[in-house]
Amino acid sequence: MDIIRRDTDYALRMVAYLARAYETAEPVSARTLAQENHVSYAIACKLLQKLSAAALVTSIMGSRGGFVLTREPKAITFKQVLEAIQGPITVNRCLLGDFKCPLKGTCPVHPKVAHMQRTLNDFLADVTLAEFAKTKGMQNDDTTQKAKRYS
């Protein structure tokens, strides 16, 4: 089971591209985002709609229009992008507020799973698009160092 689905991976690559373009303040077309990130145009458009609905990107109309981030890359987290595309990431459904567990309060697994969830949430909220903008490819970057801290 993948924690990060393929469509989320595509969206992360597209917002990383927008983060690198942020300083220019030039909108990037959906077609360019699709081509540069090896995503079909149709899928790119669907993902950009979700990112727009989550107020992470906005579209600029016109012949020189396209998409831009709604705020600085350092103000948008990995967690926000992930949840915009695939919803909340939960290690186990027992951590959902509406889940009724017959072992509530006595489960030997719950404390560890809850700790795992907190650690995952903290890590995802700690990584920003600014870090994605710094790197291209599998380089030793700040995100790699943060992952080591959480392990």
N, C-alpha and C. Protein backbone atom coordinates (compact mmCIF):
# COMPACT_ATOMS: atom_id res chain seq x y z
N MET A 1 0.84 -1.19 0.00
CA MET A 1 0.00 0.00 0.00
C MET A 1 0.88 1.25 0.00
N ASP A 2 0.63 2.12 -0.92
CA ASP A 2 1.37 3.37 -0.99
C ASP A 2 0.71 4.40 -0.08
N ILE A 3 1.51 5.08 0.71
CA ILE A 3 0.98 6.18 1.51
C ILE A 3 0.75 7.37 0.59
N ILE A 4 1.68 7.59 -0.32
CA ILE A 4 1.53 8.68 -1.28
C ILE A 4 1.13 8.05 -2.61
N ARG A 5 -0.09 8.33 -3.01
CA ARG A 5 -0.61 7.76 -4.26
C ARG A 5 0.06 8.43 -5.46
N ARG A 6 -0.08 7.80 -6.61
CA ARG A 6 0.54 8.31 -7.83
C ARG A 6 0.05 9.72 -8.16
N ASP A 7 -1.26 9.98 -8.03
CA ASP A 7 -1.76 11.32 -8.35
C ASP A 7 -1.20 12.37 -7.39
N THR A 8 -0.97 11.98 -6.15
CA THR A 8 -0.38 12.90 -5.18
C THR A 8 1.07 13.19 -5.55
N ASP A 9 1.78 12.17 -6.00
CA ASP A 9 3.15 12.35 -6.46
C ASP A 9 3.19 13.35 -7.62
N TYR A 10 2.27 13.21 -8.56
CA TYR A 10 2.19 14.15 -9.68
C TYR A 10 1.96 15.57 -9.17
N ALA A 11 1.02 15.71 -8.24
CA ALA A 11 0.70 17.04 -7.70
C ALA A 11 1.90 17.63 -6.97
N LEU A 12 2.62 16.81 -6.22
CA LEU A 12 3.80 17.30 -5.51
C LEU A 12 4.85 17.80 -6.50
N ARG A 13 5.03 17.09 -7.60
CA ARG A 13 6.00 17.53 -8.61
C ARG A 13 5.56 18.85 -9.25
N MET A 14 4.26 18.98 -9.49
CA MET A 14 3.77 20.22 -10.11
C MET A 14 3.91 21.41 -9.17
N VAL A 15 3.59 21.24 -7.89
CA VAL A 15 3.73 22.37 -6.97
C VAL A 15 5.21 22.67 -6.70
N ALA A 16 6.07 21.66 -6.77
CA ALA A 16 7.51 21.91 -6.65
C ALA A 16 7.97 22.78 -7.83
N TYR A 17 7.46 22.50 -9.00
CA TYR A 17 7.76 23.30 -10.19
C TYR A 17 7.28 24.74 -9.98
N LEU A 18 6.07 24.88 -9.46
CA LEU A 18 5.53 26.23 -9.19
C LEU A 18 6.34 26.93 -8.11
N ALA A 19 6.85 26.18 -7.15
CA ALA A 19 7.68 26.77 -6.09
C ALA A 19 8.97 27.32 -6.68
N ARG A 20 9.56 26.58 -7.62
CA ARG A 20 10.79 27.07 -8.27
C ARG A 20 10.51 28.30 -9.13
N ALA A 21 9.29 28.40 -9.66
CA ALA A 21 8.91 29.54 -10.51
C ALA A 21 8.36 30.71 -9.70
N TYR A 22 8.20 30.54 -8.40
CA TYR A 22 7.52 31.54 -7.56
C TYR A 22 8.17 32.92 -7.63
N GLU A 23 9.48 32.97 -7.60
CA GLU A 23 10.19 34.26 -7.58
C GLU A 23 9.96 35.08 -8.84
N THR A 24 9.71 34.43 -9.95
CA THR A 24 9.50 35.16 -11.21
C THR A 24 8.12 35.79 -11.27
N ALA A 25 7.19 35.28 -10.47
CA ALA A 25 5.79 35.73 -10.44
C ALA A 25 5.09 35.50 -11.78
N GLU A 26 5.68 34.69 -12.64
CA GLU A 26 5.08 34.36 -13.93
C GLU A 26 4.19 33.13 -13.78
N PRO A 27 2.95 33.21 -14.23
CA PRO A 27 2.09 32.02 -14.19
C PRO A 27 2.64 30.92 -15.11
N VAL A 28 2.40 29.69 -14.73
CA VAL A 28 2.83 28.53 -15.52
C VAL A 28 1.57 27.83 -16.02
N SER A 29 1.51 27.60 -17.31
CA SER A 29 0.31 26.98 -17.89
C SER A 29 0.17 25.53 -17.43
N ALA A 30 -1.05 25.05 -17.44
CA ALA A 30 -1.33 23.65 -17.09
C ALA A 30 -0.60 22.73 -18.06
N ARG A 31 -0.54 23.12 -19.31
CA ARG A 31 0.15 22.30 -20.32
C ARG A 31 1.64 22.20 -20.01
N THR A 32 2.26 23.30 -19.63
CA THR A 32 3.68 23.28 -19.27
C THR A 32 3.91 22.43 -18.03
N LEU A 33 3.05 22.59 -17.03
CA LEU A 33 3.18 21.78 -15.81
C LEU A 33 3.06 20.30 -16.14
N ALA A 34 2.14 19.96 -17.02
CA ALA A 34 1.96 18.56 -17.42
C ALA A 34 3.20 18.05 -18.14
N GLN A 35 3.66 18.79 -19.13
CA GLN A 35 4.82 18.35 -19.93
C GLN A 35 6.08 18.25 -19.08
N GLU A 36 6.36 19.26 -18.30
CA GLU A 36 7.59 19.29 -17.51
C GLU A 36 7.64 18.22 -16.43
N ASN A 37 6.46 17.76 -16.01
CA ASN A 37 6.40 16.77 -14.93
C ASN A 37 5.95 15.39 -15.40
N HIS A 38 5.88 15.23 -16.73
CA HIS A 38 5.52 13.93 -17.32
C HIS A 38 4.18 13.40 -16.81
N VAL A 39 3.19 14.29 -16.86
CA VAL A 39 1.83 13.98 -16.42
C VAL A 39 0.92 14.28 -17.61
N SER A 40 -0.11 13.49 -17.80
CA SER A 40 -1.04 13.80 -18.89
C SER A 40 -1.72 15.13 -18.59
N TYR A 41 -2.07 15.83 -19.65
CA TYR A 41 -2.72 17.13 -19.50
C TYR A 41 -4.03 17.01 -18.73
N ALA A 42 -4.82 15.98 -19.02
CA ALA A 42 -6.11 15.79 -18.35
C ALA A 42 -5.92 15.59 -16.85
N ILE A 43 -4.96 14.77 -16.48
CA ILE A 43 -4.70 14.53 -15.05
C ILE A 43 -4.17 15.80 -14.39
N ALA A 44 -3.28 16.50 -15.07
CA ALA A 44 -2.75 17.75 -14.52
C ALA A 44 -3.88 18.73 -14.22
N CYS A 45 -4.83 18.84 -15.14
CA CYS A 45 -5.96 19.76 -14.94
C CYS A 45 -6.80 19.36 -13.73
N LYS A 46 -7.07 18.07 -13.58
CA LYS A 46 -7.84 17.59 -12.43
C LYS A 46 -7.12 17.88 -11.12
N LEU A 47 -5.82 17.65 -11.10
CA LEU A 47 -5.04 17.90 -9.88
C LEU A 47 -4.97 19.39 -9.57
N LEU A 48 -4.82 20.21 -10.59
CA LEU A 48 -4.78 21.66 -10.38
C LEU A 48 -6.12 22.16 -9.84
N GLN A 49 -7.22 21.54 -10.25
CA GLN A 49 -8.53 21.91 -9.69
C GLN A 49 -8.56 21.61 -8.19
N LYS A 50 -8.06 20.45 -7.79
CA LYS A 50 -8.04 20.09 -6.37
C LYS A 50 -7.12 21.02 -5.58
N LEU A 51 -5.97 21.34 -6.15
CA LEU A 51 -5.03 22.25 -5.48
C LEU A 51 -5.63 23.65 -5.37
N SER A 52 -6.38 24.05 -6.37
CA SER A 52 -7.05 25.34 -6.36
C SER A 52 -8.17 25.36 -5.31
N ALA A 53 -8.94 24.28 -5.23
CA ALA A 53 -10.02 24.18 -4.24
C ALA A 53 -9.46 24.24 -2.82
N ALA A 54 -8.24 23.77 -2.63
CA ALA A 54 -7.59 23.80 -1.32
C ALA A 54 -6.84 25.12 -1.09
N ALA A 55 -6.98 26.05 -2.02
CA ALA A 55 -6.34 27.37 -1.94
C ALA A 55 -4.81 27.30 -1.88
N LEU A 56 -4.25 26.32 -2.57
CA LEU A 56 -2.79 26.21 -2.65
C LEU A 56 -2.26 26.83 -3.93
N VAL A 57 -3.06 26.78 -4.98
CA VAL A 57 -2.71 27.45 -6.24
C VAL A 57 -3.92 28.26 -6.69
N THR A 58 -3.64 29.20 -7.55
CA THR A 58 -4.72 29.98 -8.15
C THR A 58 -4.43 30.12 -9.64
N SER A 59 -5.48 30.28 -10.41
CA SER A 59 -5.28 30.43 -11.85
C SER A 59 -5.39 31.89 -12.24
N ILE A 60 -4.57 32.25 -13.20
CA ILE A 60 -4.57 33.59 -13.77
C ILE A 60 -5.10 33.45 -15.19
N MET A 61 -6.14 34.17 -15.51
CA MET A 61 -6.77 34.07 -16.83
C MET A 61 -6.00 34.89 -17.86
N GLY A 62 -6.21 34.58 -19.11
CA GLY A 62 -5.62 35.36 -20.19
C GLY A 62 -4.60 34.58 -20.99
N SER A 63 -4.14 35.21 -22.07
CA SER A 63 -3.20 34.54 -22.97
C SER A 63 -1.86 34.24 -22.29
N ARG A 64 -1.49 35.03 -21.31
CA ARG A 64 -0.25 34.79 -20.58
C ARG A 64 -0.55 34.24 -19.18
N GLY A 65 -1.72 33.65 -19.06
CA GLY A 65 -2.17 33.12 -17.78
C GLY A 65 -1.58 31.76 -17.47
N GLY A 66 -2.04 31.23 -16.36
CA GLY A 66 -1.56 29.93 -15.90
C GLY A 66 -1.82 29.80 -14.42
N PHE A 67 -0.95 29.08 -13.74
CA PHE A 67 -1.11 28.83 -12.32
C PHE A 67 0.07 29.37 -11.54
N VAL A 68 -0.23 29.85 -10.33
CA VAL A 68 0.79 30.31 -9.39
C VAL A 68 0.41 29.81 -8.00
N LEU A 69 1.39 29.73 -7.13
CA LEU A 69 1.10 29.39 -5.74
C LEU A 69 0.36 30.55 -5.10
N THR A 70 -0.50 30.28 -4.14
CA THR A 70 -1.26 31.34 -3.48
C THR A 70 -0.44 32.06 -2.41
N ARG A 71 0.64 31.44 -1.97
CA ARG A 71 1.51 32.09 -0.99
C ARG A 71 2.94 31.57 -1.17
N GLU A 72 3.84 32.11 -0.41
CA GLU A 72 5.24 31.73 -0.54
C GLU A 72 5.43 30.23 -0.35
N PRO A 73 6.39 29.64 -1.04
CA PRO A 73 6.64 28.20 -0.90
C PRO A 73 6.90 27.76 0.55
N LYS A 74 7.52 28.63 1.33
CA LYS A 74 7.81 28.26 2.72
C LYS A 74 6.55 28.21 3.59
N ALA A 75 5.43 28.72 3.06
CA ALA A 75 4.18 28.73 3.82
C ALA A 75 3.22 27.61 3.40
N ILE A 76 3.66 26.76 2.48
CA ILE A 76 2.83 25.63 2.04
C ILE A 76 3.56 24.34 2.39
N THR A 77 2.88 23.46 3.11
CA THR A 77 3.52 22.24 3.59
C THR A 77 3.19 21.02 2.72
N PHE A 78 4.06 20.04 2.85
CA PHE A 78 3.87 18.73 2.21
C PHE A 78 2.51 18.17 2.62
N LYS A 79 2.18 18.32 3.90
CA LYS A 79 0.91 17.81 4.44
C LYS A 79 -0.29 18.46 3.75
N GLN A 80 -0.23 19.75 3.52
CA GLN A 80 -1.34 20.45 2.87
C GLN A 80 -1.56 19.94 1.44
N VAL A 81 -0.48 19.72 0.72
CA VAL A 81 -0.60 19.22 -0.65
C VAL A 81 -1.15 17.79 -0.64
N LEU A 82 -0.59 16.97 0.22
CA LEU A 82 -1.02 15.58 0.34
C LEU A 82 -2.52 15.50 0.62
N GLU A 83 -2.98 16.27 1.61
CA GLU A 83 -4.39 16.23 1.99
C GLU A 83 -5.30 16.85 0.94
N ALA A 84 -4.79 17.81 0.17
CA ALA A 84 -5.59 18.42 -0.90
C ALA A 84 -5.93 17.39 -1.97
N ILE A 85 -5.03 16.45 -2.20
CA ILE A 85 -5.24 15.47 -3.25
C ILE A 85 -5.91 14.20 -2.75
N GLN A 86 -5.47 13.68 -1.62
CA GLN A 86 -6.00 12.38 -1.21
C GLN A 86 -6.69 12.37 0.14
N GLY A 87 -6.87 13.54 0.74
CA GLY A 87 -7.55 13.59 2.03
C GLY A 87 -6.58 13.29 3.17
N PRO A 88 -7.09 13.26 4.39
CA PRO A 88 -6.22 13.06 5.55
C PRO A 88 -5.48 11.72 5.50
N ILE A 89 -4.24 11.74 5.92
CA ILE A 89 -3.43 10.53 6.00
C ILE A 89 -3.59 9.98 7.41
N THR A 90 -4.10 8.77 7.50
CA THR A 90 -4.31 8.14 8.80
C THR A 90 -3.61 6.79 8.83
N VAL A 91 -2.79 6.58 9.84
CA VAL A 91 -2.06 5.32 9.99
C VAL A 91 -3.03 4.17 10.20
N ASN A 92 -4.07 4.40 11.00
CA ASN A 92 -5.06 3.36 11.28
C ASN A 92 -6.42 4.04 11.47
N ARG A 93 -7.47 3.39 11.02
CA ARG A 93 -8.80 4.01 11.12
C ARG A 93 -9.23 4.24 12.56
N CYS A 94 -8.62 3.54 13.51
CA CYS A 94 -8.99 3.75 14.92
C CYS A 94 -8.63 5.16 15.38
N LEU A 95 -7.80 5.85 14.61
CA LEU A 95 -7.41 7.21 14.97
C LEU A 95 -8.39 8.26 14.47
N LEU A 96 -9.34 7.83 13.66
CA LEU A 96 -10.37 8.74 13.18
C LEU A 96 -11.35 9.01 14.32
N GLY A 97 -11.78 10.23 14.45
CA GLY A 97 -12.64 10.61 15.56
C GLY A 97 -13.95 9.87 15.65
N ASP A 98 -14.51 9.45 14.53
CA ASP A 98 -15.82 8.80 14.54
C ASP A 98 -15.74 7.28 14.61
N PHE A 99 -14.56 6.71 14.74
CA PHE A 99 -14.42 5.25 14.76
C PHE A 99 -14.77 4.72 16.15
N LYS A 100 -15.65 3.74 16.19
CA LYS A 100 -16.08 3.12 17.46
C LYS A 100 -15.31 1.82 17.65
N CYS A 101 -14.40 1.80 18.59
CA CYS A 101 -13.58 0.61 18.82
C CYS A 101 -14.00 -0.06 20.13
N PRO A 102 -14.24 -1.37 20.09
CA PRO A 102 -14.62 -2.07 21.32
C PRO A 102 -13.48 -2.15 22.34
N LEU A 103 -12.26 -1.89 21.89
CA LEU A 103 -11.10 -1.95 22.79
C LEU A 103 -10.65 -0.56 23.27
N LYS A 104 -11.47 0.44 23.02
CA LYS A 104 -11.10 1.81 23.39
C LYS A 104 -10.67 1.87 24.85
N GLY A 105 -9.50 2.41 25.07
CA GLY A 105 -8.97 2.55 26.42
C GLY A 105 -8.17 1.36 26.91
N THR A 106 -8.30 0.22 26.25
CA THR A 106 -7.57 -0.98 26.69
C THR A 106 -6.68 -1.58 25.60
N CYS A 107 -6.71 -1.02 24.41
CA CYS A 107 -5.96 -1.58 23.28
C CYS A 107 -4.46 -1.39 23.47
N PRO A 108 -3.68 -2.47 23.38
CA PRO A 108 -2.23 -2.36 23.55
C PRO A 108 -1.54 -1.72 22.33
N VAL A 109 -2.21 -1.69 21.19
CA VAL A 109 -1.61 -1.17 19.97
C VAL A 109 -1.83 0.34 19.83
N HIS A 110 -2.95 0.84 20.30
CA HIS A 110 -3.35 2.23 20.07
C HIS A 110 -2.28 3.26 20.46
N PRO A 111 -1.66 3.18 21.64
CA PRO A 111 -0.67 4.22 21.99
C PRO A 111 0.48 4.33 20.98
N LYS A 112 0.97 3.20 20.50
CA LYS A 112 2.08 3.23 19.53
C LYS A 112 1.62 3.76 18.18
N VAL A 113 0.43 3.34 17.76
CA VAL A 113 -0.10 3.82 16.49
C VAL A 113 -0.38 5.32 16.57
N ALA A 114 -0.89 5.78 17.68
CA ALA A 114 -1.15 7.20 17.87
C ALA A 114 0.15 8.00 17.84
N HIS A 115 1.20 7.45 18.45
CA HIS A 115 2.51 8.11 18.42
C HIS A 115 3.04 8.17 16.98
N MET A 116 2.87 7.07 16.25
CA MET A 116 3.29 7.02 14.85
C MET A 116 2.56 8.10 14.04
N GLN A 117 1.26 8.25 14.29
CA GLN A 117 0.46 9.25 13.58
C GLN A 117 0.96 10.66 13.89
N ARG A 118 1.22 10.94 15.16
CA ARG A 118 1.72 12.27 15.54
C ARG A 118 3.06 12.56 14.86
N THR A 119 3.95 11.57 14.85
CA THR A 119 5.26 11.73 14.23
C THR A 119 5.12 11.99 12.73
N LEU A 120 4.26 11.22 12.08
CA LEU A 120 4.02 11.41 10.65
C LEU A 120 3.44 12.79 10.37
N ASN A 121 2.43 13.20 11.14
CA ASN A 121 1.83 14.53 10.96
C ASN A 121 2.86 15.63 11.16
N ASP A 122 3.68 15.49 12.20
CA ASP A 122 4.71 16.51 12.47
C ASP A 122 5.69 16.60 11.31
N PHE A 123 6.13 15.45 10.81
CA PHE A 123 7.08 15.45 9.69
C PHE A 123 6.46 16.10 8.46
N LEU A 124 5.26 15.68 8.10
CA LEU A 124 4.61 16.21 6.90
C LEU A 124 4.35 17.71 7.00
N ALA A 125 4.06 18.19 8.20
CA ALA A 125 3.82 19.62 8.41
C ALA A 125 5.12 20.41 8.48
N ASP A 126 6.23 19.73 8.71
CA ASP A 126 7.52 20.38 8.85
C ASP A 126 8.21 20.61 7.50
N VAL A 127 7.85 19.84 6.50
CA VAL A 127 8.47 19.95 5.17
C VAL A 127 7.65 20.93 4.33
N THR A 128 8.31 21.92 3.76
CA THR A 128 7.62 22.93 2.97
C THR A 128 8.02 22.87 1.50
N LEU A 129 7.26 23.54 0.68
CA LEU A 129 7.58 23.60 -0.75
C LEU A 129 8.89 24.31 -1.01
N ALA A 130 9.30 25.18 -0.10
CA ALA A 130 10.59 25.86 -0.27
C ALA A 130 11.71 24.83 -0.35
N GLU A 131 11.58 23.74 0.41
CA GLU A 131 12.59 22.69 0.37
C GLU A 131 12.56 21.94 -0.95
N PHE A 132 11.38 21.75 -1.51
CA PHE A 132 11.26 21.10 -2.81
C PHE A 132 11.87 21.99 -3.90
N ALA A 133 11.73 23.29 -3.75
CA ALA A 133 12.24 24.21 -4.76
C ALA A 133 13.76 24.22 -4.81
N LYS A 134 14.40 23.84 -3.73
CA LYS A 134 15.87 23.86 -3.67
C LYS A 134 16.50 22.71 -4.42
N THR A 135 15.79 21.63 -4.59
CA THR A 135 16.41 20.42 -5.13
C THR A 135 15.76 19.96 -6.42
N LYS A 136 16.54 19.23 -7.16
CA LYS A 136 16.04 18.54 -8.36
C LYS A 136 16.64 17.16 -8.29
N GLY A 137 15.80 16.17 -8.20
CA GLY A 137 16.30 14.80 -8.16
C GLY A 137 16.63 14.34 -6.76
N MET A 138 17.38 13.25 -6.69
CA MET A 138 17.67 12.59 -5.42
C MET A 138 18.94 13.13 -4.78
N GLN A 139 18.96 14.40 -4.48
CA GLN A 139 20.11 14.99 -3.83
C GLN A 139 19.93 14.93 -2.33
N ASN A 140 21.02 15.06 -1.61
CA ASN A 140 20.96 15.10 -0.15
C ASN A 140 20.50 16.50 0.25
N ASP A 141 19.25 16.65 0.58
CA ASP A 141 18.68 17.96 0.88
C ASP A 141 18.17 18.04 2.31
N ASP A 142 17.56 19.17 2.66
CA ASP A 142 17.03 19.39 4.01
C ASP A 142 15.97 18.36 4.37
N THR A 143 15.16 17.95 3.40
CA THR A 143 14.10 16.98 3.66
C THR A 143 14.68 15.64 4.09
N THR A 144 15.77 15.24 3.45
CA THR A 144 16.43 13.99 3.83
C THR A 144 16.93 14.07 5.27
N GLN A 145 17.49 15.21 5.63
CA GLN A 145 17.97 15.41 7.00
C GLN A 145 16.81 15.37 7.99
N LYS A 146 15.68 15.97 7.64
CA LYS A 146 14.51 15.95 8.52
C LYS A 146 14.00 14.52 8.69
N ALA A 147 13.98 13.76 7.63
CA ALA A 147 13.52 12.36 7.71
C ALA A 147 14.39 11.58 8.68
N LYS A 148 15.68 11.83 8.68
CA LYS A 148 16.58 11.15 9.61
C LYS A 148 16.25 11.52 11.06
N ARG A 149 15.87 12.78 11.28
CA ARG A 149 15.50 13.22 12.64
C ARG A 149 14.29 12.49 13.16
N TYR A 150 13.34 12.19 12.28
CA TYR A 150 12.10 11.55 12.70
C TYR A 150 12.22 10.04 12.79
N SER A 151 13.32 9.49 12.30
CA SER A 151 13.45 8.03 12.32
C SER A 151 14.07 7.53 13.61
